[in-house]
Amino acid sequence: VQLQASGGGLVQAGDSLRLSCAVSGGTFSSYSVGWFRQAPGKEREFVSAISRSGGSTDFADSVKGRFTISRDNAKNTMYLQMNSLKPEDTAVYCCYVGTNLRDYWGQGTQVTVSS
């Protein structure tokens, strides 16, 4: 299973970004998927997850109400819509896929939010 994240960039506080993560190999629709992030000097932090069908989602308290996660099983792609971005959202965002045997991680995409 391979993951390719994209969509990061440099934005101002209050702006929006949409991250994508294309997954190849395996059966995407059978995996729970989601996003973590890691800021410089900080531990990796859970951001959001979505169930196999997309019917259930979970968010870190720090992003609730601002971020939305979705998936398109026909395109083997997950998305993270980030609105009302804050400087504290600055981090490398990594997508992951959870299978019965192990988790797989993408290489990450940098999101930088200036104040």
N, C-alpha and C. Protein backbone atom coordinates (compact mmCIF):
# COMPACT_ATOMS: atom_id res chain seq x y z
N VAL A 1 0.85 -1.18 0.00
CA VAL A 1 0.00 0.00 0.00
C VAL A 1 0.89 1.23 0.00
N GLN A 2 0.62 2.16 -0.90
CA GLN A 2 1.38 3.40 -0.96
C GLN A 2 0.44 4.59 -0.89
N LEU A 3 0.89 5.63 -0.22
CA LEU A 3 0.09 6.82 -0.02
C LEU A 3 0.85 8.03 -0.53
N GLN A 4 0.16 8.93 -1.20
CA GLN A 4 0.75 10.15 -1.72
C GLN A 4 -0.11 11.33 -1.31
N ALA A 5 0.41 12.11 -0.36
CA ALA A 5 -0.32 13.28 0.12
C ALA A 5 0.06 14.51 -0.69
N SER A 6 -0.89 15.41 -0.85
CA SER A 6 -0.65 16.65 -1.58
C SER A 6 -1.61 17.72 -1.10
N GLY A 7 -1.34 18.95 -1.51
CA GLY A 7 -2.26 20.04 -1.22
C GLY A 7 -1.78 21.02 -0.16
N GLY A 8 -0.65 20.73 0.46
CA GLY A 8 -0.14 21.65 1.46
C GLY A 8 0.37 22.94 0.84
N GLY A 9 0.70 23.89 1.71
CA GLY A 9 1.22 25.15 1.21
C GLY A 9 1.33 26.19 2.30
N LEU A 10 1.64 27.40 1.88
CA LEU A 10 1.76 28.54 2.78
C LEU A 10 0.53 29.41 2.63
N VAL A 11 -0.19 29.59 3.72
CA VAL A 11 -1.41 30.40 3.69
C VAL A 11 -1.40 31.35 4.89
N GLN A 12 -2.35 32.26 4.87
CA GLN A 12 -2.51 33.18 5.99
C GLN A 12 -3.58 32.67 6.95
N ALA A 13 -3.52 33.13 8.16
CA ALA A 13 -4.52 32.75 9.15
C ALA A 13 -5.92 33.10 8.62
N GLY A 14 -6.84 32.17 8.81
CA GLY A 14 -8.19 32.35 8.32
C GLY A 14 -8.45 31.75 6.96
N ASP A 15 -7.39 31.40 6.24
CA ASP A 15 -7.53 30.80 4.92
C ASP A 15 -7.92 29.33 5.03
N SER A 16 -8.13 28.72 3.87
CA SER A 16 -8.49 27.31 3.79
C SER A 16 -7.51 26.57 2.89
N LEU A 17 -7.39 25.29 3.15
CA LEU A 17 -6.61 24.38 2.32
C LEU A 17 -7.33 23.06 2.26
N ARG A 18 -7.14 22.36 1.16
CA ARG A 18 -7.68 21.02 1.03
C ARG A 18 -6.55 20.05 0.73
N LEU A 19 -6.32 19.14 1.65
CA LEU A 19 -5.31 18.12 1.45
C LEU A 19 -5.94 16.89 0.81
N SER A 20 -5.17 16.24 -0.03
CA SER A 20 -5.60 14.99 -0.64
C SER A 20 -4.57 13.92 -0.34
N CYS A 21 -5.02 12.70 -0.32
CA CYS A 21 -4.11 11.56 -0.14
C CYS A 21 -4.59 10.44 -1.05
N ALA A 22 -3.83 10.18 -2.09
CA ALA A 22 -4.15 9.11 -3.02
C ALA A 22 -3.50 7.82 -2.55
N VAL A 23 -4.27 6.75 -2.51
CA VAL A 23 -3.80 5.47 -2.01
C VAL A 23 -3.79 4.45 -3.14
N SER A 24 -2.69 3.76 -3.30
CA SER A 24 -2.60 2.73 -4.31
C SER A 24 -2.21 1.41 -3.64
N GLY A 25 -2.66 0.32 -4.25
CA GLY A 25 -2.41 -1.00 -3.68
C GLY A 25 -3.43 -1.34 -2.63
N GLY A 26 -3.73 -2.58 -2.47
CA GLY A 26 -4.70 -2.99 -1.48
C GLY A 26 -6.13 -2.65 -1.89
N THR A 27 -7.02 -2.69 -0.93
CA THR A 27 -8.43 -2.40 -1.16
C THR A 27 -8.82 -1.22 -0.30
N PHE A 28 -8.78 -0.06 -0.89
CA PHE A 28 -8.97 1.19 -0.15
C PHE A 28 -10.27 1.19 0.65
N SER A 29 -11.32 0.70 0.05
CA SER A 29 -12.63 0.77 0.70
C SER A 29 -12.73 -0.09 1.96
N SER A 30 -11.77 -0.95 2.17
CA SER A 30 -11.80 -1.81 3.36
C SER A 30 -10.96 -1.26 4.50
N TYR A 31 -10.36 -0.11 4.31
CA TYR A 31 -9.46 0.45 5.31
C TYR A 31 -10.08 1.66 6.00
N SER A 32 -9.83 1.76 7.30
CA SER A 32 -10.05 3.03 7.96
C SER A 32 -8.85 3.92 7.64
N VAL A 33 -9.08 5.20 7.47
CA VAL A 33 -8.01 6.11 7.04
C VAL A 33 -8.09 7.40 7.83
N GLY A 34 -7.03 8.17 7.76
CA GLY A 34 -7.07 9.44 8.48
C GLY A 34 -5.79 10.24 8.34
N TRP A 35 -5.67 11.21 9.22
CA TRP A 35 -4.55 12.15 9.17
C TRP A 35 -3.96 12.38 10.56
N PHE A 36 -2.65 12.50 10.60
CA PHE A 36 -1.92 12.96 11.75
C PHE A 36 -1.12 14.18 11.31
N ARG A 37 -0.58 14.90 12.27
CA ARG A 37 0.30 16.01 11.95
C ARG A 37 1.42 16.08 12.98
N GLN A 38 2.52 16.67 12.57
CA GLN A 38 3.64 16.86 13.47
C GLN A 38 4.26 18.22 13.22
N ALA A 39 4.25 19.02 14.27
CA ALA A 39 4.87 20.34 14.22
C ALA A 39 6.32 20.22 14.71
N PRO A 40 7.17 21.15 14.31
CA PRO A 40 8.58 21.11 14.73
C PRO A 40 8.71 21.07 16.25
N GLY A 41 9.48 20.11 16.73
CA GLY A 41 9.72 20.02 18.16
C GLY A 41 8.58 19.42 18.96
N LYS A 42 7.53 18.97 18.28
CA LYS A 42 6.38 18.40 18.98
C LYS A 42 6.15 16.95 18.55
N GLU A 43 5.40 16.24 19.36
CA GLU A 43 5.07 14.87 19.03
C GLU A 43 3.99 14.83 17.94
N ARG A 44 3.93 13.69 17.28
CA ARG A 44 2.89 13.50 16.28
C ARG A 44 1.52 13.54 16.95
N GLU A 45 0.59 14.20 16.30
CA GLU A 45 -0.73 14.45 16.88
C GLU A 45 -1.82 13.95 15.94
N PHE A 46 -2.79 13.24 16.49
CA PHE A 46 -3.94 12.80 15.72
C PHE A 46 -4.75 14.02 15.29
N VAL A 47 -5.19 14.00 14.04
CA VAL A 47 -6.02 15.08 13.52
C VAL A 47 -7.45 14.59 13.25
N SER A 48 -7.56 13.56 12.44
CA SER A 48 -8.89 13.13 12.05
C SER A 48 -8.84 11.72 11.46
N ALA A 49 -9.97 11.03 11.52
CA ALA A 49 -10.10 9.70 10.94
C ALA A 49 -11.50 9.53 10.38
N ILE A 50 -11.63 8.61 9.44
CA ILE A 50 -12.92 8.33 8.84
C ILE A 50 -13.04 6.83 8.63
N SER A 51 -14.23 6.31 8.85
CA SER A 51 -14.46 4.88 8.74
C SER A 51 -14.46 4.42 7.28
N ARG A 52 -14.53 3.11 7.11
CA ARG A 52 -14.43 2.54 5.76
C ARG A 52 -15.52 3.06 4.83
N SER A 53 -16.72 3.19 5.36
CA SER A 53 -17.84 3.65 4.53
C SER A 53 -17.93 5.16 4.45
N GLY A 54 -17.22 5.83 5.35
CA GLY A 54 -17.33 7.28 5.44
C GLY A 54 -18.44 7.74 6.35
N GLY A 55 -19.12 6.80 6.98
CA GLY A 55 -20.26 7.17 7.80
C GLY A 55 -19.90 7.64 9.19
N SER A 56 -18.66 7.41 9.59
CA SER A 56 -18.24 7.82 10.93
C SER A 56 -16.92 8.57 10.84
N THR A 57 -16.84 9.68 11.53
CA THR A 57 -15.63 10.49 11.52
C THR A 57 -15.24 10.85 12.95
N ASP A 58 -13.99 11.21 13.11
CA ASP A 58 -13.47 11.60 14.41
C ASP A 58 -12.47 12.73 14.20
N PHE A 59 -12.43 13.65 15.15
CA PHE A 59 -11.57 14.81 15.03
C PHE A 59 -10.91 15.12 16.38
N ALA A 60 -9.71 15.63 16.31
CA ALA A 60 -9.08 16.17 17.50
C ALA A 60 -9.86 17.41 17.94
N ASP A 61 -9.90 17.64 19.22
CA ASP A 61 -10.63 18.81 19.73
C ASP A 61 -10.12 20.11 19.11
N SER A 62 -8.83 20.15 18.83
CA SER A 62 -8.22 21.38 18.32
C SER A 62 -8.69 21.75 16.92
N VAL A 63 -9.28 20.80 16.19
CA VAL A 63 -9.70 21.09 14.82
C VAL A 63 -11.20 20.92 14.61
N LYS A 64 -11.91 20.48 15.63
CA LYS A 64 -13.36 20.29 15.48
C LYS A 64 -14.05 21.59 15.06
N GLY A 65 -14.95 21.46 14.12
CA GLY A 65 -15.67 22.62 13.63
C GLY A 65 -14.95 23.38 12.54
N ARG A 66 -13.67 23.09 12.34
CA ARG A 66 -12.90 23.78 11.30
C ARG A 66 -12.46 22.82 10.18
N PHE A 67 -12.19 21.59 10.53
CA PHE A 67 -11.72 20.60 9.56
C PHE A 67 -12.82 19.60 9.24
N THR A 68 -12.81 19.13 8.01
CA THR A 68 -13.72 18.09 7.56
C THR A 68 -12.92 17.01 6.84
N ILE A 69 -13.23 15.76 7.15
CA ILE A 69 -12.56 14.65 6.46
C ILE A 69 -13.57 13.93 5.58
N SER A 70 -13.11 13.47 4.45
CA SER A 70 -13.97 12.73 3.54
C SER A 70 -13.13 11.74 2.74
N ARG A 71 -13.81 10.86 2.05
CA ARG A 71 -13.11 9.88 1.23
C ARG A 71 -13.95 9.57 0.00
N ASP A 72 -13.27 9.22 -1.06
CA ASP A 72 -13.92 8.79 -2.29
C ASP A 72 -13.37 7.40 -2.60
N ASN A 73 -14.12 6.39 -2.24
CA ASN A 73 -13.64 5.03 -2.43
C ASN A 73 -13.48 4.66 -3.90
N ALA A 74 -14.22 5.32 -4.78
CA ALA A 74 -14.07 5.06 -6.21
C ALA A 74 -12.75 5.59 -6.74
N LYS A 75 -12.22 6.62 -6.09
CA LYS A 75 -10.97 7.22 -6.52
C LYS A 75 -9.79 6.84 -5.62
N ASN A 76 -10.06 6.00 -4.61
CA ASN A 76 -9.00 5.60 -3.67
C ASN A 76 -8.29 6.82 -3.07
N THR A 77 -9.07 7.79 -2.68
CA THR A 77 -8.52 9.05 -2.21
C THR A 77 -9.26 9.53 -0.97
N MET A 78 -8.51 10.09 -0.04
CA MET A 78 -9.11 10.73 1.14
C MET A 78 -8.76 12.22 1.08
N TYR A 79 -9.56 13.01 1.78
CA TYR A 79 -9.39 14.45 1.76
C TYR A 79 -9.49 15.01 3.17
N LEU A 80 -8.81 16.13 3.37
CA LEU A 80 -8.92 16.87 4.61
C LEU A 80 -9.14 18.33 4.24
N GLN A 81 -10.35 18.80 4.43
CA GLN A 81 -10.68 20.20 4.19
C GLN A 81 -10.42 20.98 5.46
N MET A 82 -9.55 21.95 5.37
CA MET A 82 -9.14 22.72 6.54
C MET A 82 -9.56 24.16 6.35
N ASN A 83 -10.46 24.62 7.19
CA ASN A 83 -10.95 25.99 7.13
C ASN A 83 -10.51 26.77 8.36
N SER A 84 -10.59 28.06 8.27
CA SER A 84 -10.24 28.94 9.40
C SER A 84 -8.90 28.54 10.00
N LEU A 85 -7.92 28.39 9.15
CA LEU A 85 -6.61 27.92 9.62
C LEU A 85 -5.97 28.91 10.58
N LYS A 86 -5.25 28.35 11.54
CA LYS A 86 -4.56 29.12 12.56
C LYS A 86 -3.05 28.85 12.49
N PRO A 87 -2.24 29.75 12.97
CA PRO A 87 -0.79 29.50 12.98
C PRO A 87 -0.43 28.19 13.69
N GLU A 88 -1.18 27.82 14.71
CA GLU A 88 -0.89 26.58 15.43
C GLU A 88 -1.23 25.33 14.63
N ASP A 89 -1.85 25.50 13.47
CA ASP A 89 -2.08 24.35 12.58
C ASP A 89 -0.85 24.04 11.73
N THR A 90 0.16 24.89 11.81
CA THR A 90 1.38 24.66 11.04
C THR A 90 2.03 23.34 11.44
N ALA A 91 2.24 22.48 10.44
CA ALA A 91 2.80 21.15 10.70
C ALA A 91 2.96 20.40 9.38
N VAL A 92 3.61 19.28 9.47
CA VAL A 92 3.59 18.32 8.35
C VAL A 92 2.42 17.39 8.58
N TYR A 93 1.57 17.31 7.60
CA TYR A 93 0.36 16.49 7.70
C TYR A 93 0.60 15.18 6.94
N CYS A 94 0.38 14.09 7.63
CA CYS A 94 0.60 12.76 7.07
C CYS A 94 -0.71 11.98 7.06
N CYS A 95 -0.99 11.33 5.95
CA CYS A 95 -2.15 10.47 5.88
C CYS A 95 -1.75 9.03 6.22
N TYR A 96 -2.71 8.29 6.69
CA TYR A 96 -2.42 6.90 7.03
C TYR A 96 -3.61 6.02 6.63
N VAL A 97 -3.28 4.73 6.50
CA VAL A 97 -4.27 3.71 6.21
C VAL A 97 -4.11 2.62 7.27
N GLY A 98 -5.19 2.22 7.88
CA GLY A 98 -5.14 1.16 8.89
C GLY A 98 -5.71 -0.13 8.34
N THR A 99 -4.88 -1.15 8.29
CA THR A 99 -5.35 -2.47 7.85
C THR A 99 -5.33 -3.43 9.03
N ASN A 100 -5.77 -4.62 8.80
CA ASN A 100 -5.78 -5.63 9.87
C ASN A 100 -4.36 -5.99 10.31
N LEU A 101 -3.43 -5.87 9.39
CA LEU A 101 -2.07 -6.30 9.70
C LEU A 101 -1.18 -5.16 10.19
N ARG A 102 -1.32 -3.99 9.62
CA ARG A 102 -0.44 -2.88 9.98
C ARG A 102 -1.00 -1.59 9.44
N ASP A 103 -0.38 -0.48 9.87
CA ASP A 103 -0.71 0.82 9.34
C ASP A 103 0.31 1.22 8.28
N TYR A 104 -0.15 1.99 7.32
CA TYR A 104 0.72 2.53 6.28
C TYR A 104 0.65 4.05 6.33
N TRP A 105 1.78 4.70 6.03
CA TRP A 105 1.87 6.16 6.14
C TRP A 105 2.36 6.78 4.85
N GLY A 106 1.82 7.96 4.57
CA GLY A 106 2.33 8.75 3.46
C GLY A 106 3.52 9.58 3.90
N GLN A 107 4.12 10.29 2.95
CA GLN A 107 5.35 11.03 3.25
C GLN A 107 5.07 12.37 3.90
N GLY A 108 3.85 12.83 3.85
CA GLY A 108 3.50 14.09 4.48
C GLY A 108 3.53 15.27 3.54
N THR A 109 2.74 16.27 3.87
CA THR A 109 2.71 17.52 3.10
C THR A 109 2.74 18.67 4.10
N GLN A 110 3.56 19.66 3.82
CA GLN A 110 3.77 20.77 4.74
C GLN A 110 2.64 21.79 4.64
N VAL A 111 2.11 22.14 5.79
CA VAL A 111 1.13 23.23 5.88
C VAL A 111 1.72 24.30 6.80
N THR A 112 1.83 25.50 6.28
CA THR A 112 2.35 26.62 7.06
C THR A 112 1.33 27.74 7.05
N VAL A 113 0.94 28.16 8.25
CA VAL A 113 -0.06 29.21 8.39
C VAL A 113 0.60 30.42 9.05
N SER A 114 0.63 31.51 8.33
CA SER A 114 1.24 32.73 8.86
C SER A 114 0.17 33.59 9.54
N SER A 115 0.61 34.32 10.54
CA SER A 115 -0.33 35.16 11.29
C SER A 115 -0.46 36.54 10.67
